[in-house]
Each structure stands twice: as C-alpha cells, then as structure tokens.
Amino acid sequence: MLNHGYDKFTHFNEYKNDFMNFLGLGMRGSLALVIFAELFCSAMILIGLFTSLFTIPLIITMGVALFMAHGGAIFEKGELATLYLIVYVGILIVGPGRYSFDAVIAERINNKLA
C-alpha cells in the first residue's frame, strides 16, 4: 500500500483535479486523506506502532475504493481493494502480534506495573 500512497503523494498535482470527492471535503481534501491513509498509516502498520488505530483509516479507504470507485465489483476491477480490505480487517481483529512496537510497549508497561 505504501507504493500507492507514495505515487499519489509524488503526483498530487496530477490526481487532485480528477480524484473522487467522497466525504464532501473536495477532491484535494479527499486525496490528502487517502495519501495519509495509504502512506502514513501503512508505514505505522508496517512497523507495528498503534496498529489497531491506524488500520481504521485504511479500512475506510479500501471500503470507499471498493464500493464507490469500483462499484462493488469484488471479483473484477475491485479485486485488489477487496484483498486489502480483508487483510486490514484481519489485522484489526487479530492485532499487531508479538514482534511489533505495540508488543514492546505493552511489555514495558506490564513490567513497570508488576
């Protein structure tokens, strides 16, 4: 997902006039939120920092991509958005795992409390 966000970030001027206005914030505002989700939130999930919090913008972004941009075509042009949506929901449910910064932080908090 980082490459999608980076592409939108580096080509912002090309995307800003044709991007979907899905929240009524304008095309630029919507594009900025998608860039935040795809670039920043993906990076935070990759390192495992505040994973549950940062999956929520990505779930919303993939839901909008699947149902609004691709018309709900789960097995056709929206296949990649569907795959990402399933993975992000799975990460939200399961959590970051033991090899993440979230786990390190939780362990240090538990050690201080014990």
C-alpha atoms as a PDB file:
ATOM      1  CA  MET A   1       0.000   0.000   0.000  1.00  0.00           C
ATOM      2  CA  LEU A   2       2.974   2.300   0.548  1.00  0.00           C
ATOM      3  CA  ASN A   3       3.679   2.440  -3.173  1.00  0.00           C
ATOM      4  CA  HIS A   4       0.090   3.538  -3.912  1.00  0.00           C
ATOM      5  CA  GLY A   5       0.316   6.320  -1.337  1.00  0.00           C
ATOM      6  CA  TYR A   6       3.769   7.388  -2.476  1.00  0.00           C
ATOM      7  CA  ASP A   7       2.596   7.552  -6.091  1.00  0.00           C
ATOM      8  CA  LYS A   8      -0.359   9.732  -5.108  1.00  0.00           C
ATOM      9  CA  PHE A   9       1.926  11.903  -2.965  1.00  0.00           C
ATOM     10  CA  THR A  10       4.520  12.479  -5.692  1.00  0.00           C
ATOM     11  CA  HIS A  11       1.878  13.057  -8.388  1.00  0.00           C
ATOM     12  CA  PHE A  12      -0.531  15.077  -6.237  1.00  0.00           C
ATOM     13  CA  ASN A  13      -0.986  17.803  -8.847  1.00  0.00           C
ATOM     14  CA  GLU A  14      -1.954  15.239 -11.489  1.00  0.00           C
ATOM     15  CA  TYR A  15      -4.509  13.467  -9.256  1.00  0.00           C
ATOM     16  CA  LYS A  16      -6.052  16.457  -7.465  1.00  0.00           C
ATOM     17  CA  ASN A  17      -8.447  17.502 -10.230  1.00  0.00           C
ATOM     18  CA  ASP A  18      -9.768  14.032 -11.057  1.00  0.00           C
ATOM     19  CA  PHE A  19      -9.960  12.439  -7.606  1.00  0.00           C
ATOM     20  CA  MET A  20     -13.264  11.320  -6.122  1.00  0.00           C
ATOM     21  CA  ASN A  21     -14.850  13.670  -3.593  1.00  0.00           C
ATOM     22  CA  PHE A  22     -16.213  11.015  -1.243  1.00  0.00           C
ATOM     23  CA  LEU A  23     -16.608  12.948   2.014  1.00  0.00           C
ATOM     24  CA  GLY A  24     -17.641  16.338   0.707  1.00  0.00           C
ATOM     25  CA  LEU A  25     -14.207  17.766   1.517  1.00  0.00           C
ATOM     26  CA  GLY A  26     -13.330  18.449  -2.091  1.00  0.00           C
ATOM     27  CA  MET A  27     -11.059  16.480  -4.348  1.00  0.00           C
ATOM     28  CA  ARG A  28      -7.866  17.801  -2.765  1.00  0.00           C
ATOM     29  CA  GLY A  29      -9.048  17.069   0.769  1.00  0.00           C
ATOM     30  CA  SER A  30     -10.147  13.560  -0.152  1.00  0.00           C
ATOM     31  CA  LEU A  31      -6.853  12.909  -1.911  1.00  0.00           C
ATOM     32  CA  ALA A  32      -4.917  14.188   1.108  1.00  0.00           C
ATOM     33  CA  LEU A  33      -6.823  11.823   3.421  1.00  0.00           C
ATOM     34  CA  VAL A  34      -6.168   8.881   1.107  1.00  0.00           C
ATOM     35  CA  ILE A  35      -2.470   9.761   0.949  1.00  0.00           C
ATOM     36  CA  PHE A  36      -2.390   9.928   4.768  1.00  0.00           C
ATOM     37  CA  ALA A  37      -4.035   6.505   4.999  1.00  0.00           C
ATOM     38  CA  GLU A  38      -2.047   4.776   2.271  1.00  0.00           C
ATOM     39  CA  LEU A  39       1.340   6.269   3.086  1.00  0.00           C
ATOM     40  CA  PHE A  40       1.471   7.160   6.782  1.00  0.00           C
ATOM     41  CA  CYS A  41      -0.952   4.593   8.222  1.00  0.00           C
ATOM     42  CA  SER A  42       0.588   1.803   6.148  1.00  0.00           C
ATOM     43  CA  ALA A  43       4.045   2.737   7.416  1.00  0.00           C
ATOM     44  CA  MET A  44       2.826   2.659  11.015  1.00  0.00           C
ATOM     45  CA  ILE A  45       1.248  -0.772  10.488  1.00  0.00           C
ATOM     46  CA  LEU A  46       4.454  -1.993   8.861  1.00  0.00           C
ATOM     47  CA  ILE A  47       6.470  -1.175  11.985  1.00  0.00           C
ATOM     48  CA  GLY A  48       3.644  -2.211  14.288  1.00  0.00           C
ATOM     49  CA  LEU A  49       3.035   1.081  16.052  1.00  0.00           C
ATOM     50  CA  PHE A  50      -0.566   1.826  17.139  1.00  0.00           C
ATOM     51  CA  THR A  51      -1.657  -0.832  14.679  1.00  0.00           C
ATOM     52  CA  SER A  52      -5.317  -1.049  15.630  1.00  0.00           C
ATOM     53  CA  LEU A  53      -5.725   2.707  15.419  1.00  0.00           C
ATOM     54  CA  PHE A  54      -4.063   3.029  12.017  1.00  0.00           C
ATOM     55  CA  THR A  55      -5.986   0.192  10.383  1.00  0.00           C
ATOM     56  CA  ILE A  56      -9.253   2.127  10.688  1.00  0.00           C
ATOM     57  CA  PRO A  57      -8.407   4.817   8.064  1.00  0.00           C
ATOM     58  CA  LEU A  58      -7.175   2.087   5.739  1.00  0.00           C
ATOM     59  CA  ILE A  59     -10.366   0.064   6.163  1.00  0.00           C
ATOM     60  CA  ILE A  60     -12.415   3.159   5.364  1.00  0.00           C
ATOM     61  CA  THR A  61     -10.226   3.965   2.349  1.00  0.00           C
ATOM     62  CA  MET A  62     -10.473   0.444   0.954  1.00  0.00           C
ATOM     63  CA  GLY A  63     -14.220   0.356   1.595  1.00  0.00           C
ATOM     64  CA  VAL A  64     -14.659   3.577  -0.356  1.00  0.00           C
ATOM     65  CA  ALA A  65     -12.364   2.307  -3.114  1.00  0.00           C
ATOM     66  CA  LEU A  66     -14.266  -0.957  -3.382  1.00  0.00           C
ATOM     67  CA  PHE A  67     -17.846   0.232  -3.137  1.00  0.00           C
ATOM     68  CA  MET A  68     -17.696   3.722  -4.609  1.00  0.00           C
ATOM     69  CA  ALA A  69     -14.762   3.771  -7.032  1.00  0.00           C
ATOM     70  CA  HIS A  70     -15.133   0.191  -8.265  1.00  0.00           C
ATOM     71  CA  GLY A  71     -18.898  -0.110  -7.860  1.00  0.00           C
ATOM     72  CA  GLY A  72     -18.680  -3.094  -5.509  1.00  0.00           C
ATOM     73  CA  ALA A  73     -17.102  -5.319  -8.164  1.00  0.00           C
ATOM     74  CA  ILE A  74     -15.462  -7.663  -5.670  1.00  0.00           C
ATOM     75  CA  PHE A  75     -14.047 -10.118  -8.215  1.00  0.00           C
ATOM     76  CA  GLU A  76     -13.469  -7.757 -11.118  1.00  0.00           C
ATOM     77  CA  LYS A  77     -11.790  -4.357 -11.025  1.00  0.00           C
ATOM     78  CA  GLY A  78     -12.177  -4.091  -7.244  1.00  0.00           C
ATOM     79  CA  GLU A  79     -10.315  -7.310  -6.515  1.00  0.00           C
ATOM     80  CA  LEU A  80      -7.214  -5.612  -5.086  1.00  0.00           C
ATOM     81  CA  ALA A  81      -9.295  -3.295  -2.887  1.00  0.00           C
ATOM     82  CA  THR A  82     -11.205  -6.346  -1.638  1.00  0.00           C
ATOM     83  CA  LEU A  83      -7.979  -8.131  -0.779  1.00  0.00           C
ATOM     84  CA  TYR A  84      -6.594  -5.131   1.100  1.00  0.00           C
ATOM     85  CA  LEU A  85      -9.901  -4.641   2.924  1.00  0.00           C
ATOM     86  CA  ILE A  86      -9.924  -8.260   4.107  1.00  0.00           C
ATOM     87  CA  VAL A  87      -6.308  -8.044   5.272  1.00  0.00           C
ATOM     88  CA  TYR A  88      -6.856  -4.780   7.164  1.00  0.00           C
ATOM     89  CA  VAL A  89      -9.981  -6.102   8.893  1.00  0.00           C
ATOM     90  CA  GLY A  90      -7.973  -9.194   9.834  1.00  0.00           C
ATOM     91  CA  ILE A  91      -5.177  -7.060  11.269  1.00  0.00           C
ATOM     92  CA  LEU A  92      -7.719  -5.037  13.241  1.00  0.00           C
ATOM     93  CA  ILE A  93      -9.265  -8.202  14.704  1.00  0.00           C
ATOM     94  CA  VAL A  94      -6.064 -10.173  15.360  1.00  0.00           C
ATOM     95  CA  GLY A  95      -3.802  -7.297  16.369  1.00  0.00           C
ATOM     96  CA  PRO A  96      -0.187  -6.493  15.651  1.00  0.00           C
ATOM     97  CA  GLY A  97       1.478  -9.621  17.001  1.00  0.00           C
ATOM     98  CA  ARG A  98       4.367 -10.078  19.370  1.00  0.00           C
ATOM     99  CA  TYR A  99       7.066  -8.697  17.028  1.00  0.00           C
ATOM    100  CA  SER A 100       5.789  -5.137  16.912  1.00  0.00           C
ATOM    101  CA  PHE A 101       6.395  -1.892  18.729  1.00  0.00           C
ATOM    102  CA  ASP A 102       2.935  -2.253  20.252  1.00  0.00           C
ATOM    103  CA  ALA A 103       4.026  -5.504  21.907  1.00  0.00           C
ATOM    104  CA  VAL A 104       7.269  -3.943  23.157  1.00  0.00           C
ATOM    105  CA  ILE A 105       5.374  -1.004  24.644  1.00  0.00           C
ATOM    106  CA  ALA A 106       2.794  -3.293  26.273  1.00  0.00           C
ATOM    107  CA  GLU A 107       5.545  -5.484  27.737  1.00  0.00           C
ATOM    108  CA  ARG A 108       7.358  -2.493  29.230  1.00  0.00           C
ATOM    109  CA  ILE A 109       4.130  -1.174  30.736  1.00  0.00           C
ATOM    110  CA  ASN A 110       3.343  -4.596  32.221  1.00  0.00           C
ATOM    111  CA  ASN A 111       6.870  -4.865  33.667  1.00  0.00           C
ATOM    112  CA  LYS A 112       6.548  -1.464  35.349  1.00  0.00           C
ATOM    113  CA  LEU A 113       3.196  -2.384  36.825  1.00  0.00           C
ATOM    114  CA  ALA A 114       4.400  -5.735  38.133  1.00  0.00           C
END
